[in-house]
């Protein structure tokens, strides 16, 4: 089963793990503003990035429920509907 992550779950996990957006963005090699836009629901990450982010937060004390599964239609609808394709 593919485990995905909503914007709100990601933000909560980051805050619970006491990580800054800058730190997470740096660890992922993405722009801090992309992470901010994702957490606010204005930008959607692709499934691979969502899974990497979930794995990242799962290794911290973020308190993620590893059994949660969120379909792409439940991830939130940003005003721009953009997807970030991380290469």
C-alpha atoms as a PDB file:
ATOM      1  CA  UNK A   1       0.000   0.000   0.000  1.00  0.00           C
ATOM      2  CA  UNK A   2       1.256   3.459  -0.891  1.00  0.00           C
ATOM      3  CA  UNK A   3       1.149   5.800   2.067  1.00  0.00           C
ATOM      4  CA  UNK A   4       0.550   9.431   1.241  1.00  0.00           C
ATOM      5  CA  UNK A   5       0.491  12.625   3.234  1.00  0.00           C
ATOM      6  CA  UNK A   6      -1.851  15.614   3.353  1.00  0.00           C
ATOM      7  CA  UNK A   7      -0.556  19.160   3.589  1.00  0.00           C
ATOM      8  CA  UNK A   8      -1.988  19.491   7.108  1.00  0.00           C
ATOM      9  CA  UNK A   9      -0.407  16.203   8.223  1.00  0.00           C
ATOM     10  CA  UNK A  10       2.944  17.339   6.829  1.00  0.00           C
ATOM     11  CA  UNK A  11       2.790  20.676   8.623  1.00  0.00           C
ATOM     12  CA  UNK A  12       1.727  19.048  11.893  1.00  0.00           C
ATOM     13  CA  UNK A  13       4.494  16.454  11.596  1.00  0.00           C
ATOM     14  CA  UNK A  14       7.109  19.136  10.900  1.00  0.00           C
ATOM     15  CA  UNK A  15       5.977  21.224  13.871  1.00  0.00           C
ATOM     16  CA  UNK A  16       5.812  18.149  16.155  1.00  0.00           C
ATOM     17  CA  UNK A  17       9.351  17.217  15.121  1.00  0.00           C
ATOM     18  CA  UNK A  18      10.451  20.802  15.844  1.00  0.00           C
ATOM     19  CA  UNK A  19      11.874  21.209  12.352  1.00  0.00           C
ATOM     20  CA  UNK A  20      11.910  24.471  10.437  1.00  0.00           C
ATOM     21  CA  UNK A  21      10.633  24.695   6.881  1.00  0.00           C
ATOM     22  CA  UNK A  22      14.140  25.698   5.877  1.00  0.00           C
ATOM     23  CA  UNK A  23      15.622  22.540   7.390  1.00  0.00           C
ATOM     24  CA  UNK A  24      13.094  20.217   5.717  1.00  0.00           C
ATOM     25  CA  UNK A  25      13.434  22.017   2.377  1.00  0.00           C
ATOM     26  CA  UNK A  26      17.216  21.789   2.591  1.00  0.00           C
ATOM     27  CA  UNK A  27      17.083  18.079   3.418  1.00  0.00           C
ATOM     28  CA  UNK A  28      14.841  17.527   0.389  1.00  0.00           C
ATOM     29  CA  UNK A  29      16.701  19.821  -1.980  1.00  0.00           C
ATOM     30  CA  UNK A  30      13.625  21.945  -2.651  1.00  0.00           C
ATOM     31  CA  UNK A  31      12.916  25.632  -2.251  1.00  0.00           C
ATOM     32  CA  UNK A  32      11.535  26.642   1.151  1.00  0.00           C
ATOM     33  CA  UNK A  33       8.708  28.518  -0.576  1.00  0.00           C
ATOM     34  CA  UNK A  34       7.577  25.265  -2.285  1.00  0.00           C
ATOM     35  CA  UNK A  35       7.245  23.609   1.109  1.00  0.00           C
ATOM     36  CA  UNK A  36       5.368  26.622   2.460  1.00  0.00           C
ATOM     37  CA  UNK A  37       2.982  26.581  -0.518  1.00  0.00           C
ATOM     38  CA  UNK A  38       2.429  22.834  -0.093  1.00  0.00           C
ATOM     39  CA  UNK A  39       1.692  23.162   3.628  1.00  0.00           C
ATOM     40  CA  UNK A  40      -0.807  25.941   2.921  1.00  0.00           C
ATOM     41  CA  UNK A  41      -2.574  23.885   0.219  1.00  0.00           C
ATOM     42  CA  UNK A  42      -1.552  26.085  -2.703  1.00  0.00           C
ATOM     43  CA  UNK A  43       0.722  23.519  -4.331  1.00  0.00           C
ATOM     44  CA  UNK A  44       0.553  19.738  -4.614  1.00  0.00           C
ATOM     45  CA  UNK A  45       3.579  17.472  -4.491  1.00  0.00           C
ATOM     46  CA  UNK A  46       3.722  14.401  -6.693  1.00  0.00           C
ATOM     47  CA  UNK A  47       3.174  10.995  -5.094  1.00  0.00           C
ATOM     48  CA  UNK A  48       6.882  10.154  -4.942  1.00  0.00           C
ATOM     49  CA  UNK A  49       7.669  13.364  -3.049  1.00  0.00           C
ATOM     50  CA  UNK A  50       4.730  12.811  -0.683  1.00  0.00           C
ATOM     51  CA  UNK A  51       5.967   9.323   0.112  1.00  0.00           C
ATOM     52  CA  UNK A  52       9.535  10.566   0.669  1.00  0.00           C
ATOM     53  CA  UNK A  53       8.226  13.286   2.955  1.00  0.00           C
ATOM     54  CA  UNK A  54       6.140  10.786   4.929  1.00  0.00           C
ATOM     55  CA  UNK A  55       9.189   8.518   5.292  1.00  0.00           C
ATOM     56  CA  UNK A  56      11.252  11.494   6.445  1.00  0.00           C
ATOM     57  CA  UNK A  57       8.730  12.494   9.109  1.00  0.00           C
ATOM     58  CA  UNK A  58       8.212   8.876  10.171  1.00  0.00           C
ATOM     59  CA  UNK A  59      11.869   8.761  11.213  1.00  0.00           C
ATOM     60  CA  UNK A  60      11.354  11.713  13.563  1.00  0.00           C
ATOM     61  CA  UNK A  61       9.148  12.117  16.627  1.00  0.00           C
ATOM     62  CA  UNK A  62       6.477  13.648  14.423  1.00  0.00           C
ATOM     63  CA  UNK A  63       3.693  11.339  15.570  1.00  0.00           C
ATOM     64  CA  UNK A  64       2.506  10.253  12.127  1.00  0.00           C
ATOM     65  CA  UNK A  65       0.034   7.400  11.956  1.00  0.00           C
ATOM     66  CA  UNK A  66       1.817   4.984   9.644  1.00  0.00           C
ATOM     67  CA  UNK A  67      -1.481   3.341   8.722  1.00  0.00           C
ATOM     68  CA  UNK A  68      -3.044   6.466   7.265  1.00  0.00           C
ATOM     69  CA  UNK A  69      -3.723   6.475   3.563  1.00  0.00           C
ATOM     70  CA  UNK A  70      -4.965   9.540   1.751  1.00  0.00           C
ATOM     71  CA  UNK A  71      -6.025   9.413  -1.863  1.00  0.00           C
ATOM     72  CA  UNK A  72      -5.010  12.119  -4.292  1.00  0.00           C
ATOM     73  CA  UNK A  73      -8.530  13.562  -4.154  1.00  0.00           C
ATOM     74  CA  UNK A  74      -8.257  14.025  -0.378  1.00  0.00           C
ATOM     75  CA  UNK A  75      -4.917  15.851  -0.364  1.00  0.00           C
ATOM     76  CA  UNK A  76      -6.526  19.244  -0.489  1.00  0.00           C
ATOM     77  CA  UNK A  77      -7.319  21.466  -3.379  1.00  0.00           C
ATOM     78  CA  UNK A  78      -4.922  24.362  -3.683  1.00  0.00           C
ATOM     79  CA  UNK A  79      -6.008  27.503  -5.431  1.00  0.00           C
ATOM     80  CA  UNK A  80      -3.380  26.901  -8.084  1.00  0.00           C
ATOM     81  CA  UNK A  81      -3.655  23.124  -8.369  1.00  0.00           C
ATOM     82  CA  UNK A  82       0.044  22.927  -9.205  1.00  0.00           C
ATOM     83  CA  UNK A  83       2.142  19.835  -8.721  1.00  0.00           C
ATOM     84  CA  UNK A  84       5.809  19.887  -7.881  1.00  0.00           C
ATOM     85  CA  UNK A  85       7.755  17.273  -9.746  1.00  0.00           C
ATOM     86  CA  UNK A  86      10.947  16.726  -7.809  1.00  0.00           C
ATOM     87  CA  UNK A  87      13.758  15.407 -10.010  1.00  0.00           C
END
